[in-house]
Amino acid sequence: MHTPSSKQLVVVAYDISSNKRRNTLVKLLRGYGVRVNYSVFECRIGKAGLSALKMRIDEIQIM
């Protein structure tokens, strides 16, 4: 029997003009998923991972 994965596919796309913020975000996202385009990442993560990712992105926004 196949059990559904608790992980979901999350697509993260961004348009950030600040080099510092953009580079920080790219480094973060590389730890969560794969880059599929210059400003798009696909991440397979669970609910806890998604919550953590959102918090880290919020921290980057206030840099």
Protein backbone atom coordinates (compact mmCIF):
# COMPACT_ATOMS: atom_id res chain seq x y z
CA MET A 1 0.00 0.00 0.00
CA HIS A 2 1.30 3.43 -0.93
CA THR A 3 1.21 6.01 1.84
CA PRO A 4 1.16 9.65 0.82
CA SER A 5 4.23 11.65 1.69
CA SER A 6 3.90 14.27 4.38
CA LYS A 7 6.08 16.52 2.25
CA GLN A 8 4.64 18.90 -0.30
CA LEU A 9 6.07 20.61 -3.34
CA VAL A 10 6.55 24.32 -2.68
CA VAL A 11 7.59 26.68 -5.46
CA VAL A 12 9.45 29.79 -4.32
CA ALA A 13 9.83 32.63 -6.83
CA TYR A 14 11.37 35.99 -6.06
CA ASP A 15 12.25 39.34 -7.59
CA ILE A 16 14.73 41.05 -5.27
CA SER A 17 16.82 44.03 -6.36
CA SER A 18 19.17 44.00 -3.34
CA ASN A 19 22.19 41.79 -4.10
CA LYS A 20 22.77 41.10 -0.40
CA ARG A 21 19.19 39.96 0.25
CA ARG A 22 19.00 37.97 -2.99
CA ASN A 23 22.28 36.14 -2.32
CA THR A 24 21.21 35.38 1.24
CA LEU A 25 17.89 33.98 0.01
CA VAL A 26 19.59 31.85 -2.66
CA LYS A 27 21.92 30.33 -0.04
CA LEU A 28 18.92 29.59 2.18
CA LEU A 29 16.84 28.03 -0.59
CA ARG A 30 19.69 25.78 -1.75
CA GLY A 31 19.34 24.05 1.60
CA TYR A 32 15.65 23.38 0.99
CA GLY A 33 15.35 22.57 -2.70
CA VAL A 34 16.65 22.86 -6.24
CA ARG A 35 16.92 25.88 -8.47
CA VAL A 36 14.79 25.40 -11.58
CA ASN A 37 15.22 28.90 -12.99
CA TYR A 38 17.27 31.98 -12.13
CA SER A 39 14.74 33.15 -9.54
CA VAL A 40 12.66 30.00 -8.92
CA PHE A 41 13.27 27.09 -6.53
CA GLU A 42 11.27 23.89 -6.04
CA CYS A 43 11.33 22.56 -2.49
CA ARG A 44 9.88 19.30 -1.14
CA ILE A 45 9.27 20.05 2.51
CA GLY A 46 6.95 19.15 5.34
CA LYS A 47 4.84 21.51 7.42
CA ALA A 48 7.57 22.14 10.00
CA GLY A 49 10.13 22.82 7.27
CA LEU A 50 7.76 25.21 5.53
CA SER A 51 7.16 27.13 8.75
CA ALA A 52 10.91 27.38 9.34
CA LEU A 53 11.49 28.52 5.76
CA LYS A 54 8.84 31.24 6.05
CA MET A 55 10.41 32.52 9.27
CA ARG A 56 13.87 32.63 7.70
CA ILE A 57 12.53 34.47 4.63
CA ASP A 58 10.85 37.02 6.90
CA GLU A 59 14.21 37.60 8.60
CA ILE A 60 15.82 38.27 5.21
CA GLN A 61 13.09 40.78 4.32
CA ILE A 62 13.95 42.97 7.31
CA MET A 63 17.71 42.99 6.65
